[in-house]
Structure formats: structure tokens, C-alpha cells
Amino acid sequence: MFEQTHIIAGQIGEYIVTTREKDGKWYVGALTNWDEREVIINLSFLEKGKQYTAKLLADAADSSVKPEKYKISTIDVDSASEILVKLAKGGGAALIIEAK
């Protein structure tokens, strides 16, 4: 069971960004309807003063026409970070964030 769950962005019927925390590890999911969009994921929910590593699985540039395409990246983040993700039609993104 998750210790915390928050909806940090979204519009009903359009898109949603949800965070969940378990044992100090954060899981972030973003989903969109059939409209492509860019979503900024604000990481201000993370503990201030700590450094984190985020693994991002996101739609590739051509995911709207080839939905099986995706990209994986790893980035360093903190509570002041914002991550811009491009969501393909019917697409999404996922993050796993862990303290360094």
C-alpha cells in the first residue's frame, strides 16, 4: 500500500498527473486523452535539500503514429525541478524517483 497519493495536475477528461510514495520512493504517472500535449511535472513534492535520481519512461517523438515507441532516460532532480514531458495521442509517461 502506498503511503501518499496526490493528483498534482490535470483536467477531467483531458489528462492527469498522479504521484504515489512508498518507502521513500516516488512513482509518477501521466496520461492524456487522444490529444497530444506537453505537461510540466513539478517536483516540489520532493523533500527540500535532497538530491534524487529520476528514471523516465516517456512517449517517443513518433509515438502518436507508432504507439509502441518510447524512450527511457535518467536525470538528476530535486524539489525545485520541473520535467517537461510530451504525451502522444492516448499516451503517457512514468517516473520512478529515488533519493541518491
PDB file of N, CA and C in Angstrom:
ATOM      1  N   MET A   1       0.839  -1.182   0.000  1.00  0.00           N
ATOM      2  CA  MET A   1       0.000   0.000   0.000  1.00  0.00           C
ATOM      3  C   MET A   1       0.884   1.245   0.000  1.00  0.00           C
ATOM      4  N   PHE A   2       0.463   2.232  -0.747  1.00  0.00           N
ATOM      5  CA  PHE A   2       1.214   3.475  -0.833  1.00  0.00           C
ATOM      6  C   PHE A   2       0.958   4.338   0.391  1.00  0.00           C
ATOM      7  N   GLU A   3       1.977   5.093   0.795  1.00  0.00           N
ATOM      8  CA  GLU A   3       1.876   5.952   1.967  1.00  0.00           C
ATOM      9  C   GLU A   3       1.248   7.301   1.632  1.00  0.00           C
ATOM     10  N   GLN A   4       1.456   7.764   0.389  1.00  0.00           N
ATOM     11  CA  GLN A   4       0.892   9.038  -0.057  1.00  0.00           C
ATOM     12  C   GLN A   4       0.478   8.919  -1.515  1.00  0.00           C
ATOM     13  N   THR A   5      -0.607   9.576  -1.855  1.00  0.00           N
ATOM     14  CA  THR A   5      -1.050   9.679  -3.248  1.00  0.00           C
ATOM     15  C   THR A   5      -1.566  11.096  -3.464  1.00  0.00           C
ATOM     16  N   HIS A   6      -1.102  11.734  -4.556  1.00  0.00           N
ATOM     17  CA  HIS A   6      -1.530  13.101  -4.859  1.00  0.00           C
ATOM     18  C   HIS A   6      -1.782  13.245  -6.352  1.00  0.00           C
ATOM     19  N   ILE A   7      -2.820  13.960  -6.703  1.00  0.00           N
ATOM     20  CA  ILE A   7      -3.046  14.376  -8.081  1.00  0.00           C
ATOM     21  C   ILE A   7      -2.416  15.766  -8.175  1.00  0.00           C
ATOM     22  N   ILE A   8      -1.346  15.902  -8.977  1.00  0.00           N
ATOM     23  CA  ILE A   8      -0.632  17.182  -8.986  1.00  0.00           C
ATOM     24  C   ILE A   8      -0.971  18.043 -10.200  1.00  0.00           C
ATOM     25  N   ALA A   9      -1.646  17.475 -11.180  1.00  0.00           N
ATOM     26  CA  ALA A   9      -2.070  18.259 -12.341  1.00  0.00           C
ATOM     27  C   ALA A   9      -3.147  17.490 -13.081  1.00  0.00           C
ATOM     28  N   GLY A  10      -3.947  18.204 -13.854  1.00  0.00           N
ATOM     29  CA  GLY A  10      -4.927  17.526 -14.690  1.00  0.00           C
ATOM     30  C   GLY A  10      -6.175  18.337 -14.926  1.00  0.00           C
ATOM     31  N   GLN A  11      -6.945  17.851 -15.879  1.00  0.00           N
ATOM     32  CA  GLN A  11      -8.268  18.383 -16.178  1.00  0.00           C
ATOM     33  C   GLN A  11      -9.138  17.177 -16.504  1.00  0.00           C
ATOM     34  N   ILE A  12     -10.311  17.096 -15.910  1.00  0.00           N
ATOM     35  CA  ILE A  12     -11.197  15.957 -16.115  1.00  0.00           C
ATOM     36  C   ILE A  12     -11.445  15.743 -17.604  1.00  0.00           C
ATOM     37  N   GLY A  13     -11.243  14.512 -18.045  1.00  0.00           N
ATOM     38  CA  GLY A  13     -11.453  14.142 -19.434  1.00  0.00           C
ATOM     39  C   GLY A  13     -10.319  14.529 -20.371  1.00  0.00           C
ATOM     40  N   GLU A  14      -9.295  15.195 -19.853  1.00  0.00           N
ATOM     41  CA  GLU A  14      -8.196  15.675 -20.690  1.00  0.00           C
ATOM     42  C   GLU A  14      -6.888  14.940 -20.378  1.00  0.00           C
ATOM     43  N   TYR A  15      -6.396  15.136 -19.149  1.00  0.00           N
ATOM     44  CA  TYR A  15      -5.149  14.490 -18.740  1.00  0.00           C
ATOM     45  C   TYR A  15      -5.060  14.457 -17.219  1.00  0.00           C
ATOM     46  N   ILE A  16      -4.086  13.679 -16.704  1.00  0.00           N
ATOM     47  CA  ILE A  16      -3.875  13.579 -15.261  1.00  0.00           C
ATOM     48  C   ILE A  16      -2.411  13.281 -14.983  1.00  0.00           C
ATOM     49  N   VAL A  17      -1.913  13.837 -13.883  1.00  0.00           N
ATOM     50  CA  VAL A  17      -0.574  13.516 -13.380  1.00  0.00           C
ATOM     51  C   VAL A  17      -0.742  13.150 -11.908  1.00  0.00           C
ATOM     52  N   THR A  18      -0.344  11.940 -11.561  1.00  0.00           N
ATOM     53  CA  THR A  18      -0.515  11.406 -10.210  1.00  0.00           C
ATOM     54  C   THR A  18       0.838  11.026  -9.627  1.00  0.00           C
ATOM     55  N   THR A  19       1.026  11.283  -8.321  1.00  0.00           N
ATOM     56  CA  THR A  19       2.231  10.838  -7.622  1.00  0.00           C
ATOM     57  C   THR A  19       1.830   9.888  -6.506  1.00  0.00           C
ATOM     58  N   ARG A  20       2.685   8.900  -6.270  1.00  0.00           N
ATOM     59  CA  ARG A  20       2.479   7.982  -5.154  1.00  0.00           C
ATOM     60  C   ARG A  20       3.831   7.721  -4.524  1.00  0.00           C
ATOM     61  N   GLU A  21       3.850   7.548  -3.196  1.00  0.00           N
ATOM     62  CA  GLU A  21       5.099   7.336  -2.491  1.00  0.00           C
ATOM     63  C   GLU A  21       5.016   6.072  -1.637  1.00  0.00           C
ATOM     64  N   LYS A  22       6.082   5.296  -1.670  1.00  0.00           N
ATOM     65  CA  LYS A  22       6.175   4.070  -0.855  1.00  0.00           C
ATOM     66  C   LYS A  22       7.624   3.898  -0.448  1.00  0.00           C
ATOM     67  N   ASP A  23       7.861   3.835   0.838  1.00  0.00           N
ATOM     68  CA  ASP A  23       9.206   3.603   1.379  1.00  0.00           C
ATOM     69  C   ASP A  23      10.232   4.593   0.831  1.00  0.00           C
ATOM     70  N   GLY A  24       9.842   5.854   0.681  1.00  0.00           N
ATOM     71  CA  GLY A  24      10.758   6.894   0.233  1.00  0.00           C
ATOM     72  C   GLY A  24      10.973   6.945  -1.263  1.00  0.00           C
ATOM     73  N   LYS A  25      10.339   6.083  -2.017  1.00  0.00           N
ATOM     74  CA  LYS A  25      10.452   6.065  -3.475  1.00  0.00           C
ATOM     75  C   LYS A  25       9.153   6.630  -4.048  1.00  0.00           C
ATOM     76  N   TRP A  26       9.285   7.548  -5.019  1.00  0.00           N
ATOM     77  CA  TRP A  26       8.124   8.180  -5.633  1.00  0.00           C
ATOM     78  C   TRP A  26       7.863   7.595  -7.016  1.00  0.00           C
ATOM     79  N   TYR A  27       6.595   7.392  -7.308  1.00  0.00           N
ATOM     80  CA  TYR A  27       6.143   6.903  -8.611  1.00  0.00           C
ATOM     81  C   TYR A  27       5.211   7.968  -9.182  1.00  0.00           C
ATOM     82  N   VAL A  28       5.494   8.415 -10.386  1.00  0.00           N
ATOM     83  CA  VAL A  28       4.706   9.469 -11.018  1.00  0.00           C
ATOM     84  C   VAL A  28       4.180   8.931 -12.345  1.00  0.00           C
ATOM     85  N   GLY A  29       2.897   9.132 -12.587  1.00  0.00           N
ATOM     86  CA  GLY A  29       2.301   8.707 -13.844  1.00  0.00           C
ATOM     87  C   GLY A  29       1.553   9.860 -14.483  1.00  0.00           C
ATOM     88  N   ALA A  30       1.671   9.974 -15.805  1.00  0.00           N
ATOM     89  CA  ALA A  30       0.943  10.993 -16.564  1.00  0.00           C
ATOM     90  C   ALA A  30       0.236  10.303 -17.721  1.00  0.00           C
ATOM     91  N   LEU A  31      -1.025  10.625 -17.912  1.00  0.00           N
ATOM     92  CA  LEU A  31      -1.833  10.068 -19.011  1.00  0.00           C
ATOM     93  C   LEU A  31      -2.602  11.182 -19.685  1.00  0.00           C
ATOM     94  N   THR A  32      -2.798  11.041 -20.994  1.00  0.00           N
ATOM     95  CA  THR A  32      -3.589  12.021 -21.731  1.00  0.00           C
ATOM     96  C   THR A  32      -4.696  11.317 -22.513  1.00  0.00           C
ATOM     97  N   ASN A  33      -5.660  12.092 -22.954  1.00  0.00           N
ATOM     98  CA  ASN A  33      -6.721  11.560 -23.813  1.00  0.00           C
ATOM     99  C   ASN A  33      -6.157  11.421 -25.226  1.00  0.00           C
ATOM    100  N   TRP A  34      -6.956  11.613 -26.255  1.00  0.00           N
ATOM    101  CA  TRP A  34      -6.489  11.448 -27.636  1.00  0.00           C
ATOM    102  C   TRP A  34      -5.912  12.723 -28.228  1.00  0.00           C
ATOM    103  N   ASP A  35      -5.571  13.682 -27.372  1.00  0.00           N
ATOM    104  CA  ASP A  35      -4.901  14.906 -27.803  1.00  0.00           C
ATOM    105  C   ASP A  35      -3.445  14.863 -27.364  1.00  0.00           C
ATOM    106  N   GLU A  36      -2.542  15.151 -28.314  1.00  0.00           N
ATOM    107  CA  GLU A  36      -1.139  15.312 -27.932  1.00  0.00           C
ATOM    108  C   GLU A  36      -1.034  16.545 -27.051  1.00  0.00           C
ATOM    109  N   ARG A  37      -0.128  16.514 -26.094  1.00  0.00           N
ATOM    110  CA  ARG A  37       0.065  17.691 -25.239  1.00  0.00           C
ATOM    111  C   ARG A  37       1.423  17.626 -24.561  1.00  0.00           C
ATOM    112  N   GLU A  38       1.864  18.765 -24.087  1.00  0.00           N
ATOM    113  CA  GLU A  38       3.046  18.856 -23.249  1.00  0.00           C
ATOM    114  C   GLU A  38       2.577  19.127 -21.832  1.00  0.00           C
ATOM    115  N   VAL A  39       3.174  18.417 -20.888  1.00  0.00           N
ATOM    116  CA  VAL A  39       2.805  18.572 -19.481  1.00  0.00           C
ATOM    117  C   VAL A  39       4.085  18.842 -18.697  1.00  0.00           C
ATOM    118  N   ILE A  40       4.022  19.824 -17.816  1.00  0.00           N
ATOM    119  CA  ILE A  40       5.148  20.102 -16.920  1.00  0.00           C
ATOM    120  C   ILE A  40       4.867  19.409 -15.596  1.00  0.00           C
ATOM    121  N   ILE A  41       5.764  18.527 -15.206  1.00  0.00           N
ATOM    122  CA  ILE A  41       5.644  17.837 -13.917  1.00  0.00           C
ATOM    123  C   ILE A  41       6.526  18.571 -12.917  1.00  0.00           C
ATOM    124  N   ASN A  42       5.885  19.224 -11.969  1.00  0.00           N
ATOM    125  CA  ASN A  42       6.566  19.981 -10.929  1.00  0.00           C
ATOM    126  C   ASN A  42       6.904  19.038  -9.786  1.00  0.00           C
ATOM    127  N   LEU A  43       8.172  18.975  -9.393  1.00  0.00           N
ATOM    128  CA  LEU A  43       8.611  18.022  -8.362  1.00  0.00           C
ATOM    129  C   LEU A  43       8.712  18.652  -6.977  1.00  0.00           C
ATOM    130  N   SER A  44       7.954  19.695  -6.720  1.00  0.00           N
ATOM    131  CA  SER A  44       8.007  20.371  -5.419  1.00  0.00           C
ATOM    132  C   SER A  44       7.526  19.485  -4.267  1.00  0.00           C
ATOM    133  N   PHE A  45       6.933  18.342  -4.565  1.00  0.00           N
ATOM    134  CA  PHE A  45       6.504  17.416  -3.513  1.00  0.00           C
ATOM    135  C   PHE A  45       7.686  16.667  -2.897  1.00  0.00           C
ATOM    136  N   LEU A  46       8.855  16.706  -3.554  1.00  0.00           N
ATOM    137  CA  LEU A  46      10.041  16.041  -3.013  1.00  0.00           C
ATOM    138  C   LEU A  46      10.595  16.822  -1.828  1.00  0.00           C
ATOM    139  N   GLU A  47      11.308  16.128  -0.951  1.00  0.00           N
ATOM    140  CA  GLU A  47      11.885  16.764   0.229  1.00  0.00           C
ATOM    141  C   GLU A  47      12.945  17.787  -0.180  1.00  0.00           C
ATOM    142  N   LYS A  48      12.815  18.997   0.360  1.00  0.00           N
ATOM    143  CA  LYS A  48      13.770  20.057   0.037  1.00  0.00           C
ATOM    144  C   LYS A  48      15.159  19.707   0.573  1.00  0.00           C
ATOM    145  N   GLY A  49      16.182  20.073  -0.197  1.00  0.00           N
ATOM    146  CA  GLY A  49      17.557  19.848   0.230  1.00  0.00           C
ATOM    147  C   GLY A  49      18.123  18.487  -0.132  1.00  0.00           C
ATOM    148  N   LYS A  50      17.299  17.595  -0.646  1.00  0.00           N
ATOM    149  CA  LYS A  50      17.768  16.266  -1.037  1.00  0.00           C
ATOM    150  C   LYS A  50      17.918  16.185  -2.549  1.00  0.00           C
ATOM    151  N   GLN A  51      18.836  15.356  -2.989  1.00  0.00           N
ATOM    152  CA  GLN A  51      19.053  15.099  -4.406  1.00  0.00           C
ATOM    153  C   GLN A  51      18.457  13.735  -4.748  1.00  0.00           C
ATOM    154  N   TYR A  52      17.910  13.626  -5.949  1.00  0.00           N
ATOM    155  CA  TYR A  52      17.228  12.412  -6.388  1.00  0.00           C
ATOM    156  C   TYR A  52      17.669  12.034  -7.794  1.00  0.00           C
ATOM    157  N   THR A  53      17.452  10.783  -8.124  1.00  0.00           N
ATOM    158  CA  THR A  53      17.609  10.293  -9.483  1.00  0.00           C
ATOM    159  C   THR A  53      16.233   9.874  -9.974  1.00  0.00           C
ATOM    160  N   ALA A  54      15.872  10.336 -11.165  1.00  0.00           N
ATOM    161  CA  ALA A  54      14.567  10.011 -11.752  1.00  0.00           C
ATOM    162  C   ALA A  54      14.782   9.202 -13.027  1.00  0.00           C
ATOM    163  N   LYS A  55      14.114   8.063 -13.116  1.00  0.00           N
ATOM    164  CA  LYS A  55      14.090   7.281 -14.345  1.00  0.00           C
ATOM    165  C   LYS A  55      12.774   7.592 -15.031  1.00  0.00           C
ATOM    166  N   LEU A  56      12.856   8.054 -16.272  1.00  0.00           N
ATOM    167  CA  LEU A  56      11.680   8.494 -17.024  1.00  0.00           C
ATOM    168  C   LEU A  56      11.447   7.583 -18.216  1.00  0.00           C
ATOM    169  N   LEU A  57      10.242   7.053 -18.308  1.00  0.00           N
ATOM    170  CA  LEU A  57       9.788   6.318 -19.491  1.00  0.00           C
ATOM    171  C   LEU A  57       8.718   7.196 -20.119  1.00  0.00           C
ATOM    172  N   ALA A  58       8.956   7.618 -21.357  1.00  0.00           N
ATOM    173  CA  ALA A  58       8.050   8.585 -21.993  1.00  0.00           C
ATOM    174  C   ALA A  58       7.810   8.223 -23.449  1.00  0.00           C
ATOM    175  N   ASP A  59       6.752   8.789 -24.006  1.00  0.00           N
ATOM    176  CA  ASP A  59       6.458   8.612 -25.419  1.00  0.00           C
ATOM    177  C   ASP A  59       7.620   9.141 -26.265  1.00  0.00           C
ATOM    178  N   ALA A  60       7.929   8.435 -27.343  1.00  0.00           N
ATOM    179  CA  ALA A  60       8.925   8.907 -28.308  1.00  0.00           C
ATOM    180  C   ALA A  60       8.284   9.963 -29.207  1.00  0.00           C
ATOM    181  N   ALA A  61       9.101  10.640 -29.987  1.00  0.00           N
ATOM    182  CA  ALA A  61       8.600  11.707 -30.862  1.00  0.00           C
ATOM    183  C   ALA A  61       7.546  11.202 -31.841  1.00  0.00           C
ATOM    184  N   ASP A  62       7.633   9.922 -32.247  1.00  0.00           N
ATOM    185  CA  ASP A  62       6.685   9.371 -33.220  1.00  0.00           C
ATOM    186  C   ASP A  62       5.657   8.412 -32.607  1.00  0.00           C
ATOM    187  N   SER A  63       5.466   8.495 -31.298  1.00  0.00           N
ATOM    188  CA  SER A  63       4.522   7.587 -30.626  1.00  0.00           C
ATOM    189  C   SER A  63       3.072   7.773 -31.050  1.00  0.00           C
ATOM    190  N   SER A  64       2.709   8.945 -31.545  1.00  0.00           N
ATOM    191  CA  SER A  64       1.321   9.154 -31.978  1.00  0.00           C
ATOM    192  C   SER A  64       0.973   8.299 -33.188  1.00  0.00           C
ATOM    193  N   VAL A  65       1.968   7.966 -34.016  1.00  0.00           N
ATOM    194  CA  VAL A  65       1.726   7.114 -35.186  1.00  0.00           C
ATOM    195  C   VAL A  65       2.285   5.704 -34.993  1.00  0.00           C
ATOM    196  N   LYS A  66       3.222   5.554 -34.061  1.00  0.00           N
ATOM    197  CA  LYS A  66       3.787   4.243 -33.713  1.00  0.00           C
ATOM    198  C   LYS A  66       3.746   4.109 -32.193  1.00  0.00           C
ATOM    199  N   PRO A  67       2.578   3.736 -31.638  1.00  0.00           N
ATOM    200  CA  PRO A  67       2.398   3.768 -30.190  1.00  0.00           C
ATOM    201  C   PRO A  67       3.320   2.843 -29.403  1.00  0.00           C
ATOM    202  N   GLU A  68       3.965   1.906 -30.079  1.00  0.00           N
ATOM    203  CA  GLU A  68       4.890   1.009 -29.383  1.00  0.00           C
ATOM    204  C   GLU A  68       6.237   1.676 -29.098  1.00  0.00           C
ATOM    205  N   LYS A  69       6.456   2.861 -29.646  1.00  0.00           N
ATOM    206  CA  LYS A  69       7.721   3.576 -29.469  1.00  0.00           C
ATOM    207  C   LYS A  69       7.728   4.343 -28.145  1.00  0.00           C
ATOM    208  N   TYR A  70       8.867   4.286 -27.454  1.00  0.00           N
ATOM    209  CA  TYR A  70       9.050   5.034 -26.214  1.00  0.00           C
ATOM    210  C   TYR A  70      10.536   5.284 -26.014  1.00  0.00           C
ATOM    211  N   LYS A  71      10.851   6.126 -25.045  1.00  0.00           N
ATOM    212  CA  LYS A  71      12.245   6.399 -24.704  1.00  0.00           C
ATOM    213  C   LYS A  71      12.409   6.327 -23.191  1.00  0.00           C
ATOM    214  N   ILE A  72      13.595   5.936 -22.772  1.00  0.00           N
ATOM    215  CA  ILE A  72      13.916   5.845 -21.346  1.00  0.00           C
ATOM    216  C   ILE A  72      15.127   6.745 -21.096  1.00  0.00           C
ATOM    217  N   SER A  73      15.052   7.541 -20.041  1.00  0.00           N
ATOM    218  CA  SER A  73      16.177   8.399 -19.681  1.00  0.00           C
ATOM    219  C   SER A  73      16.297   8.474 -18.159  1.00  0.00           C
ATOM    220  N   THR A  74      17.461   8.868 -17.705  1.00  0.00           N
ATOM    221  CA  THR A  74      17.723   9.042 -16.276  1.00  0.00           C
ATOM    222  C   THR A  74      18.227  10.464 -16.076  1.00  0.00           C
ATOM    223  N   ILE A  75      17.646  11.158 -15.100  1.00  0.00           N
ATOM    224  CA  ILE A  75      18.041  12.541 -14.834  1.00  0.00           C
ATOM    225  C   ILE A  75      18.160  12.782 -13.340  1.00  0.00           C
ATOM    226  N   ASP A  76      19.005  13.734 -12.971  1.00  0.00           N
ATOM    227  CA  ASP A  76      19.132  14.155 -11.580  1.00  0.00           C
ATOM    228  C   ASP A  76      18.129  15.271 -11.325  1.00  0.00           C
ATOM    229  N   VAL A  77      17.419  15.185 -10.201  1.00  0.00           N
ATOM    230  CA  VAL A  77      16.376  16.166  -9.886  1.00  0.00           C
ATOM    231  C   VAL A  77      16.408  16.504  -8.405  1.00  0.00           C
ATOM    232  N   ASP A  78      15.682  17.567  -8.052  1.00  0.00           N
ATOM    233  CA  ASP A  78      15.440  17.929  -6.661  1.00  0.00           C
ATOM    234  C   ASP A  78      14.056  18.567  -6.578  1.00  0.00           C
ATOM    235  N   SER A  79      13.716  19.111  -5.426  1.00  0.00           N
ATOM    236  CA  SER A  79      12.361  19.647  -5.239  1.00  0.00           C
ATOM    237  C   SER A  79      12.084  20.898  -6.066  1.00  0.00           C
ATOM    238  N   ALA A  80      13.128  21.527  -6.627  1.00  0.00           N
ATOM    239  CA  ALA A  80      12.940  22.710  -7.464  1.00  0.00           C
ATOM    240  C   ALA A  80      12.812  22.348  -8.946  1.00  0.00           C
ATOM    241  N   SER A  81      12.940  21.068  -9.262  1.00  0.00           N
ATOM    242  CA  SER A  81      12.939  20.636 -10.667  1.00  0.00           C
ATOM    243  C   SER A  81      11.534  20.585 -11.253  1.00  0.00           C
ATOM    244  N   GLU A  82      11.486  20.822 -12.558  1.00  0.00           N
ATOM    245  CA  GLU A  82      10.285  20.616 -13.351  1.00  0.00           C
ATOM    246  C   GLU A  82      10.694  19.804 -14.574  1.00  0.00           C
ATOM    247  N   ILE A  83       9.881  18.839 -14.939  1.00  0.00           N
ATOM    248  CA  ILE A  83      10.180  17.989 -16.084  1.00  0.00           C
ATOM    249  C   ILE A  83       9.087  18.189 -17.125  1.00  0.00           C
ATOM    250  N   LEU A  84       9.500  18.548 -18.324  1.00  0.00           N
ATOM    251  CA  LEU A  84       8.561  18.704 -19.433  1.00  0.00           C
ATOM    252  C   LEU A  84       8.461  17.367 -20.151  1.00  0.00           C
ATOM    253  N   VAL A  85       7.246  16.822 -20.235  1.00  0.00           N
ATOM    254  CA  VAL A  85       7.038  15.581 -20.981  1.00  0.00           C
ATOM    255  C   VAL A  85       6.036  15.842 -22.098  1.00  0.00           C
ATOM    256  N   LYS A  86       6.333  15.262 -23.246  1.00  0.00           N
ATOM    257  CA  LYS A  86       5.438  15.350 -24.395  1.00  0.00           C
ATOM    258  C   LYS A  86       4.651  14.047 -24.458  1.00  0.00           C
ATOM    259  N   LEU A  87       3.344  14.162 -24.359  1.00  0.00           N
ATOM    260  CA  LEU A  87       2.471  12.998 -24.363  1.00  0.00           C
ATOM    261  C   LEU A  87       1.852  12.842 -25.746  1.00  0.00           C
ATOM    262  N   ALA A  88       2.006  11.666 -26.314  1.00  0.00           N
ATOM    263  CA  ALA A  88       1.419  11.365 -27.619  1.00  0.00           C
ATOM    264  C   ALA A  88      -0.085  11.159 -27.464  1.00  0.00           C
ATOM    265  N   LYS A  89      -0.796  11.089 -28.573  1.00  0.00           N
ATOM    266  CA  LYS A  89      -2.235  10.807 -28.537  1.00  0.00           C
ATOM    267  C   LYS A  89      -2.462   9.507 -27.774  1.00  0.00           C
ATOM    268  N   GLY A  90      -3.280   9.563 -26.731  1.00  0.00           N
ATOM    269  CA  GLY A  90      -3.545   8.380 -25.928  1.00  0.00           C
ATOM    270  C   GLY A  90      -2.334   7.877 -25.171  1.00  0.00           C
ATOM    271  N   GLY A  91      -1.334   8.725 -25.012  1.00  0.00           N
ATOM    272  CA  GLY A  91      -0.066   8.307 -24.430  1.00  0.00           C
ATOM    273  C   GLY A  91       0.102   8.651 -22.967  1.00  0.00           C
ATOM    274  N   GLY A  92       1.338   8.501 -22.531  1.00  0.00           N
ATOM    275  CA  GLY A  92       1.626   8.771 -21.140  1.00  0.00           C
ATOM    276  C   GLY A  92       3.111   8.738 -20.848  1.00  0.00           C
ATOM    277  N   ALA A  93       3.420   8.871 -19.573  1.00  0.00           N
ATOM    278  CA  ALA A  93       4.797   8.833 -19.099  1.00  0.00           C
ATOM    279  C   ALA A  93       4.787   8.301 -17.681  1.00  0.00           C
ATOM    280  N   ALA A  94       5.932   7.742 -17.271  1.00  0.00           N
ATOM    281  CA  ALA A  94       6.077   7.244 -15.906  1.00  0.00           C
ATOM    282  C   ALA A  94       7.468   7.612 -15.382  1.00  0.00           C
ATOM    283  N   LEU A  95       7.526   7.943 -14.111  1.00  0.00           N
ATOM    284  CA  LEU A  95       8.784   8.254 -13.444  1.00  0.00           C
ATOM    285  C   LEU A  95       8.909   7.414 -12.192  1.00  0.00           C
ATOM    286  N   ILE A  96      10.121   6.986 -11.895  1.00  0.00           N
ATOM    287  CA  ILE A  96      10.445   6.418 -10.594  1.00  0.00           C
ATOM    288  C   ILE A  96      11.550   7.302 -10.042  1.00  0.00           C
ATOM    289  N   ILE A  97      11.302   7.887  -8.884  1.00  0.00           N
ATOM    290  CA  ILE A  97      12.233   8.841  -8.296  1.00  0.00           C
ATOM    291  C   ILE A  97      12.737   8.291  -6.963  1.00  0.00           C
ATOM    292  N   GLU A  98      14.087   8.227  -6.846  1.00  0.00           N
ATOM    293  CA  GLU A  98      14.718   7.714  -5.635  1.00  0.00           C
ATOM    294  C   GLU A  98      15.773   8.691  -5.143  1.00  0.00           C
ATOM    295  N   ALA A  99      15.925   8.792  -3.823  1.00  0.00           N
ATOM    296  CA  ALA A  99      16.980   9.636  -3.246  1.00  0.00           C
ATOM    297  C   ALA A  99      18.327   9.038  -3.579  1.00  0.00           C
ATOM    298  N   LYS A 100      19.303   9.935  -3.766  1.00  0.00           N
ATOM    299  CA  LYS A 100      20.674   9.485  -4.063  1.00  0.00           C
ATOM    300  C   LYS A 100      21.326   8.962  -2.806  1.00  0.00           C
TER     301      LYS A 100
END
